[in-house]
Amino acid sequence: MKIKEIRQIPQGELQERLSSEVDKYGQLILTHSVSPLENPSQIKEVRRTIARLKTLIRENELNNSK
């Protein structure tokens, strides 16, 4: 998910999306440890999406505190 797409998500939904992405990441790691994924680069993409979501949430926190 690109940052442009993430910025269009409403503020209230960002935390929900972050929690679902973290769950998805955990599931991918578990599945990959049992049997190799067909496309292991999915793990990296989900990890980066989580980082983007956290960054945007933090940006919003800092902008709201001013």
PDB file of N, CA and C in Angstrom:
ATOM      1  N   MET A   1       0.841  -1.161   0.000  1.00  0.00           N
ATOM      2  CA  MET A   1       0.000   0.000   0.000  1.00  0.00           C
ATOM      3  C   MET A   1       0.898   1.240   0.000  1.00  0.00           C
ATOM      4  N   LYS A   2       0.637   2.135  -0.914  1.00  0.00           N
ATOM      5  CA  LYS A   2       1.439   3.344  -1.057  1.00  0.00           C
ATOM      6  C   LYS A   2       1.000   4.402  -0.057  1.00  0.00           C
ATOM      7  N   ILE A   3       1.891   5.343   0.242  1.00  0.00           N
ATOM      8  CA  ILE A   3       1.588   6.394   1.206  1.00  0.00           C
ATOM      9  C   ILE A   3       0.437   7.267   0.725  1.00  0.00           C
ATOM     10  N   LYS A   4       0.322   7.436  -0.582  1.00  0.00           N
ATOM     11  CA  LYS A   4      -0.779   8.226  -1.138  1.00  0.00           C
ATOM     12  C   LYS A   4      -2.123   7.591  -0.802  1.00  0.00           C
ATOM     13  N   GLU A   5      -2.185   6.265  -0.881  1.00  0.00           N
ATOM     14  CA  GLU A   5      -3.408   5.546  -0.545  1.00  0.00           C
ATOM     15  C   GLU A   5      -3.688   5.622   0.955  1.00  0.00           C
ATOM     16  N   ILE A   6      -2.638   5.559   1.760  1.00  0.00           N
ATOM     17  CA  ILE A   6      -2.804   5.586   3.208  1.00  0.00           C
ATOM     18  C   ILE A   6      -3.303   6.951   3.668  1.00  0.00           C
ATOM     19  N   ARG A   7      -2.849   8.013   3.039  1.00  0.00           N
ATOM     20  CA  ARG A   7      -3.272   9.359   3.424  1.00  0.00           C
ATOM     21  C   ARG A   7      -4.763   9.587   3.163  1.00  0.00           C
ATOM     22  N   GLN A   8      -5.370   8.814   2.293  1.00  0.00           N
ATOM     23  CA  GLN A   8      -6.793   8.960   1.992  1.00  0.00           C
ATOM     24  C   GLN A   8      -7.688   8.249   3.020  1.00  0.00           C
ATOM     25  N   ILE A   9      -7.085   7.419   3.858  1.00  0.00           N
ATOM     26  CA  ILE A   9      -7.843   6.697   4.879  1.00  0.00           C
ATOM     27  C   ILE A   9      -8.222   7.684   5.981  1.00  0.00           C
ATOM     28  N   PRO A  10      -9.465   7.664   6.431  1.00  0.00           N
ATOM     29  CA  PRO A  10      -9.874   8.566   7.525  1.00  0.00           C
ATOM     30  C   PRO A  10      -9.062   8.315   8.795  1.00  0.00           C
ATOM     31  N   GLN A  11      -8.880   9.372   9.572  1.00  0.00           N
ATOM     32  CA  GLN A  11      -8.056   9.319  10.779  1.00  0.00           C
ATOM     33  C   GLN A  11      -8.488   8.203  11.726  1.00  0.00           C
ATOM     34  N   GLY A  12      -9.773   8.050  11.948  1.00  0.00           N
ATOM     35  CA  GLY A  12     -10.269   7.042  12.885  1.00  0.00           C
ATOM     36  C   GLY A  12     -10.012   5.614  12.448  1.00  0.00           C
ATOM     37  N   GLU A  13      -9.887   5.405  11.172  1.00  0.00           N
ATOM     38  CA  GLU A  13      -9.724   4.053  10.645  1.00  0.00           C
ATOM     39  C   GLU A  13      -8.255   3.615  10.608  1.00  0.00           C
ATOM     40  N   LEU A  14      -7.327   4.540  10.796  1.00  0.00           N
ATOM     41  CA  LEU A  14      -5.904   4.200  10.707  1.00  0.00           C
ATOM     42  C   LEU A  14      -5.496   3.175  11.760  1.00  0.00           C
ATOM     43  N   GLN A  15      -5.955   3.340  13.002  1.00  0.00           N
ATOM     44  CA  GLN A  15      -5.600   2.388  14.056  1.00  0.00           C
ATOM     45  C   GLN A  15      -6.159   0.999  13.761  1.00  0.00           C
ATOM     46  N   GLU A  16      -7.376   0.948  13.236  1.00  0.00           N
ATOM     47  CA  GLU A  16      -7.973  -0.342  12.891  1.00  0.00           C
ATOM     48  C   GLU A  16      -7.182  -1.018  11.776  1.00  0.00           C
ATOM     49  N   ARG A  17      -6.802  -0.231  10.791  1.00  0.00           N
ATOM     50  CA  ARG A  17      -6.032  -0.767   9.667  1.00  0.00           C
ATOM     51  C   ARG A  17      -4.671  -1.256  10.147  1.00  0.00           C
ATOM     52  N   LEU A  18      -4.049  -0.501  11.070  1.00  0.00           N
ATOM     53  CA  LEU A  18      -2.758  -0.908  11.614  1.00  0.00           C
ATOM     54  C   LEU A  18      -2.889  -2.238  12.344  1.00  0.00           C
ATOM     55  N   SER A  19      -3.917  -2.385  13.143  1.00  0.00           N
ATOM     56  CA  SER A  19      -4.098  -3.629  13.882  1.00  0.00           C
ATOM     57  C   SER A  19      -4.334  -4.812  12.943  1.00  0.00           C
ATOM     58  N   SER A  20      -5.092  -4.595  11.872  1.00  0.00           N
ATOM     59  CA  SER A  20      -5.325  -5.688  10.929  1.00  0.00           C
ATOM     60  C   SER A  20      -4.053  -6.050  10.166  1.00  0.00           C
ATOM     61  N   GLU A  21      -3.236  -5.051   9.849  1.00  0.00           N
ATOM     62  CA  GLU A  21      -1.971  -5.327   9.149  1.00  0.00           C
ATOM     63  C   GLU A  21      -0.996  -6.073  10.057  1.00  0.00           C
ATOM     64  N   VAL A  22      -0.971  -5.742  11.340  1.00  0.00           N
ATOM     65  CA  VAL A  22      -0.101  -6.443  12.287  1.00  0.00           C
ATOM     66  C   VAL A  22      -0.544  -7.900  12.414  1.00  0.00           C
ATOM     67  N   ASP A  23      -1.851  -8.118  12.471  1.00  0.00           N
ATOM     68  CA  ASP A  23      -2.367  -9.492  12.513  1.00  0.00           C
ATOM     69  C   ASP A  23      -1.994 -10.256  11.242  1.00  0.00           C
ATOM     70  N   LYS A  24      -2.133  -9.591  10.108  1.00  0.00           N
ATOM     71  CA  LYS A  24      -1.788 -10.203   8.826  1.00  0.00           C
ATOM     72  C   LYS A  24      -0.302 -10.568   8.794  1.00  0.00           C
ATOM     73  N   TYR A  25       0.538  -9.675   9.320  1.00  0.00           N
ATOM     74  CA  TYR A  25       1.979  -9.921   9.365  1.00  0.00           C
ATOM     75  C   TYR A  25       2.294 -11.144  10.228  1.00  0.00           C
ATOM     76  N   GLY A  26       1.671 -11.218  11.382  1.00  0.00           N
ATOM     77  CA  GLY A  26       1.892 -12.363  12.260  1.00  0.00           C
ATOM     78  C   GLY A  26       1.467 -13.664  11.606  1.00  0.00           C
ATOM     79  N   GLN A  27       0.355 -13.622  10.911  1.00  0.00           N
ATOM     80  CA  GLN A  27      -0.133 -14.814  10.224  1.00  0.00           C
ATOM     81  C   GLN A  27       0.822 -15.223   9.102  1.00  0.00           C
ATOM     82  N   LEU A  28       1.350 -14.242   8.367  1.00  0.00           N
ATOM     83  CA  LEU A  28       2.295 -14.559   7.295  1.00  0.00           C
ATOM     84  C   LEU A  28       3.567 -15.192   7.850  1.00  0.00           C
ATOM     85  N   ILE A  29       4.072 -14.662   8.953  1.00  0.00           N
ATOM     86  CA  ILE A  29       5.281 -15.210   9.568  1.00  0.00           C
ATOM     87  C   ILE A  29       5.038 -16.640  10.022  1.00  0.00           C
ATOM     88  N   LEU A  30       3.894 -16.873  10.657  1.00  0.00           N
ATOM     89  CA  LEU A  30       3.556 -18.221  11.132  1.00  0.00           C
ATOM     90  C   LEU A  30       3.430 -19.191   9.960  1.00  0.00           C
ATOM     91  N   THR A  31       2.728 -18.769   8.927  1.00  0.00           N
ATOM     92  CA  THR A  31       2.542 -19.626   7.755  1.00  0.00           C
ATOM     93  C   THR A  31       3.880 -19.922   7.081  1.00  0.00           C
ATOM     94  N   HIS A  32       4.736 -18.915   7.006  1.00  0.00           N
ATOM     95  CA  HIS A  32       6.029 -19.085   6.343  1.00  0.00           C
ATOM     96  C   HIS A  32       6.945 -20.019   7.148  1.00  0.00           C
ATOM     97  N   SER A  33       6.797 -20.015   8.475  1.00  0.00           N
ATOM     98  CA  SER A  33       7.646 -20.897   9.277  1.00  0.00           C
ATOM     99  C   SER A  33       7.215 -22.358   9.140  1.00  0.00           C
ATOM    100  N   VAL A  34       5.929 -22.582   8.893  1.00  0.00           N
ATOM    101  CA  VAL A  34       5.432 -23.952   8.741  1.00  0.00           C
ATOM    102  C   VAL A  34       5.731 -24.480   7.345  1.00  0.00           C
ATOM    103  N   SER A  35       5.348 -23.719   6.346  1.00  0.00           N
ATOM    104  CA  SER A  35       5.635 -24.102   4.964  1.00  0.00           C
ATOM    105  C   SER A  35       5.954 -22.827   4.191  1.00  0.00           C
ATOM    106  N   PRO A  36       6.935 -22.873   3.313  1.00  0.00           N
ATOM    107  CA  PRO A  36       7.360 -21.659   2.613  1.00  0.00           C
ATOM    108  C   PRO A  36       6.222 -21.015   1.814  1.00  0.00           C
ATOM    109  N   LEU A  37       6.177 -19.698   1.869  1.00  0.00           N
ATOM    110  CA  LEU A  37       5.188 -18.962   1.087  1.00  0.00           C
ATOM    111  C   LEU A  37       5.561 -18.997  -0.378  1.00  0.00           C
ATOM    112  N   GLU A  38       4.568 -18.893  -1.213  1.00  0.00           N
ATOM    113  CA  GLU A  38       4.823 -18.848  -2.651  1.00  0.00           C
ATOM    114  C   GLU A  38       5.554 -17.548  -3.009  1.00  0.00           C
ATOM    115  N   ASN A  39       5.180 -16.464  -2.320  1.00  0.00           N
ATOM    116  CA  ASN A  39       5.794 -15.172  -2.580  1.00  0.00           C
ATOM    117  C   ASN A  39       6.245 -14.565  -1.248  1.00  0.00           C
ATOM    118  N   PRO A  40       7.472 -14.857  -0.806  1.00  0.00           N
ATOM    119  CA  PRO A  40       7.921 -14.373   0.498  1.00  0.00           C
ATOM    120  C   PRO A  40       8.120 -12.854   0.573  1.00  0.00           C
ATOM    121  N   SER A  41       8.096 -12.181  -0.551  1.00  0.00           N
ATOM    122  CA  SER A  41       8.241 -10.725  -0.509  1.00  0.00           C
ATOM    123  C   SER A  41       6.994 -10.057   0.066  1.00  0.00           C
ATOM    124  N   GLN A  42       5.917 -10.825   0.218  1.00  0.00           N
ATOM    125  CA  GLN A  42       4.704 -10.305   0.860  1.00  0.00           C
ATOM    126  C   GLN A  42       5.013  -9.865   2.285  1.00  0.00           C
ATOM    127  N   ILE A  43       5.894 -10.589   2.952  1.00  0.00           N
ATOM    128  CA  ILE A  43       6.247 -10.274   4.329  1.00  0.00           C
ATOM    129  C   ILE A  43       6.863  -8.879   4.391  1.00  0.00           C
ATOM    130  N   LYS A  44       7.769  -8.605   3.480  1.00  0.00           N
ATOM    131  CA  LYS A  44       8.429  -7.303   3.451  1.00  0.00           C
ATOM    132  C   LYS A  44       7.434  -6.188   3.155  1.00  0.00           C
ATOM    133  N   GLU A  45       6.511  -6.425   2.250  1.00  0.00           N
ATOM    134  CA  GLU A  45       5.522  -5.408   1.893  1.00  0.00           C
ATOM    135  C   GLU A  45       4.606  -5.090   3.076  1.00  0.00           C
ATOM    136  N   VAL A  46       4.169  -6.109   3.796  1.00  0.00           N
ATOM    137  CA  VAL A  46       3.291  -5.878   4.944  1.00  0.00           C
ATOM    138  C   VAL A  46       4.054  -5.127   6.031  1.00  0.00           C
ATOM    139  N   ARG A  47       5.306  -5.491   6.235  1.00  0.00           N
ATOM    140  CA  ARG A  47       6.132  -4.806   7.234  1.00  0.00           C
ATOM    141  C   ARG A  47       6.288  -3.327   6.891  1.00  0.00           C
ATOM    142  N   ARG A  48       6.482  -3.037   5.627  1.00  0.00           N
ATOM    143  CA  ARG A  48       6.620  -1.644   5.190  1.00  0.00           C
ATOM    144  C   ARG A  48       5.303  -0.889   5.296  1.00  0.00           C
ATOM    145  N   THR A  49       4.198  -1.566   5.024  1.00  0.00           N
ATOM    146  CA  THR A  49       2.887  -0.933   5.179  1.00  0.00           C
ATOM    147  C   THR A  49       2.644  -0.575   6.635  1.00  0.00           C
ATOM    148  N   ILE A  50       3.035  -1.460   7.549  1.00  0.00           N
ATOM    149  CA  ILE A  50       2.898  -1.181   8.973  1.00  0.00           C
ATOM    150  C   ILE A  50       3.713   0.053   9.345  1.00  0.00           C
ATOM    151  N   ALA A  51       4.922   0.138   8.837  1.00  0.00           N
ATOM    152  CA  ALA A  51       5.768   1.298   9.122  1.00  0.00           C
ATOM    153  C   ALA A  51       5.145   2.579   8.571  1.00  0.00           C
ATOM    154  N   ARG A  52       4.576   2.514   7.387  1.00  0.00           N
ATOM    155  CA  ARG A  52       3.937   3.696   6.800  1.00  0.00           C
ATOM    156  C   ARG A  52       2.734   4.134   7.627  1.00  0.00           C
ATOM    157  N   LEU A  53       1.938   3.166   8.079  1.00  0.00           N
ATOM    158  CA  LEU A  53       0.780   3.492   8.902  1.00  0.00           C
ATOM    159  C   LEU A  53       1.210   4.143  10.213  1.00  0.00           C
ATOM    160  N   LYS A  54       2.228   3.577  10.854  1.00  0.00           N
ATOM    161  CA  LYS A  54       2.708   4.130  12.116  1.00  0.00           C
ATOM    162  C   LYS A  54       3.260   5.535  11.916  1.00  0.00           C
ATOM    163  N   THR A  55       3.948   5.760  10.818  1.00  0.00           N
ATOM    164  CA  THR A  55       4.492   7.074  10.525  1.00  0.00           C
ATOM    165  C   THR A  55       3.381   8.096  10.350  1.00  0.00           C
ATOM    166  N   LEU A  56       2.355   7.747   9.614  1.00  0.00           N
ATOM    167  CA  LEU A  56       1.253   8.670   9.384  1.00  0.00           C
ATOM    168  C   LEU A  56       0.487   8.945  10.677  1.00  0.00           C
ATOM    169  N   ILE A  57       0.289   7.929  11.496  1.00  0.00           N
ATOM    170  CA  ILE A  57      -0.383   8.127  12.782  1.00  0.00           C
ATOM    171  C   ILE A  57       0.430   9.090  13.651  1.00  0.00           C
ATOM    172  N   ARG A  58       1.733   8.911  13.660  1.00  0.00           N
ATOM    173  CA  ARG A  58       2.597   9.791  14.458  1.00  0.00           C
ATOM    174  C   ARG A  58       2.578  11.217  13.912  1.00  0.00           C
ATOM    175  N   GLU A  59       2.605  11.367  12.600  1.00  0.00           N
ATOM    176  CA  GLU A  59       2.517  12.701  11.997  1.00  0.00           C
ATOM    177  C   GLU A  59       1.240  13.399  12.431  1.00  0.00           C
ATOM    178  N   ASN A  60       0.137  12.674  12.413  1.00  0.00           N
ATOM    179  CA  ASN A  60      -1.149  13.250  12.807  1.00  0.00           C
ATOM    180  C   ASN A  60      -1.151  13.636  14.277  1.00  0.00           C
ATOM    181  N   GLU A  61      -0.517  12.811  15.126  1.00  0.00           N
ATOM    182  CA  GLU A  61      -0.424  13.141  16.542  1.00  0.00           C
ATOM    183  C   GLU A  61       0.356  14.434  16.746  1.00  0.00           C
ATOM    184  N   LEU A  62       1.460  14.579  16.049  1.00  0.00           N
ATOM    185  CA  LEU A  62       2.288  15.770  16.195  1.00  0.00           C
ATOM    186  C   LEU A  62       1.589  17.007  15.655  1.00  0.00           C
ATOM    187  N   ASN A  63       0.869  16.870  14.559  1.00  0.00           N
ATOM    188  CA  ASN A  63       0.161  18.022  13.991  1.00  0.00           C
ATOM    189  C   ASN A  63      -1.001  18.451  14.868  1.00  0.00           C
ATOM    190  N   ASN A  64      -1.653  17.515  15.530  1.00  0.00           N
ATOM    191  CA  ASN A  64      -2.787  17.842  16.390  1.00  0.00           C
ATOM    192  C   ASN A  64      -2.370  18.458  17.707  1.00  0.00           C
ATOM    193  N   SER A  65      -1.131  18.192  18.134  1.00  0.00           N
ATOM    194  CA  SER A  65      -0.683  18.706  19.426  1.00  0.00           C
ATOM    195  C   SER A  65      -0.228  20.163  19.350  1.00  0.00           C
ATOM    196  N   LYS A  66      -0.059  20.679  18.146  1.00  0.00           N
ATOM    197  CA  LYS A  66       0.402  22.069  17.999  1.00  0.00           C
ATOM    198  C   LYS A  66      -0.675  23.062  18.272  1.00  0.00           C
TER     199      LYS A  66
END
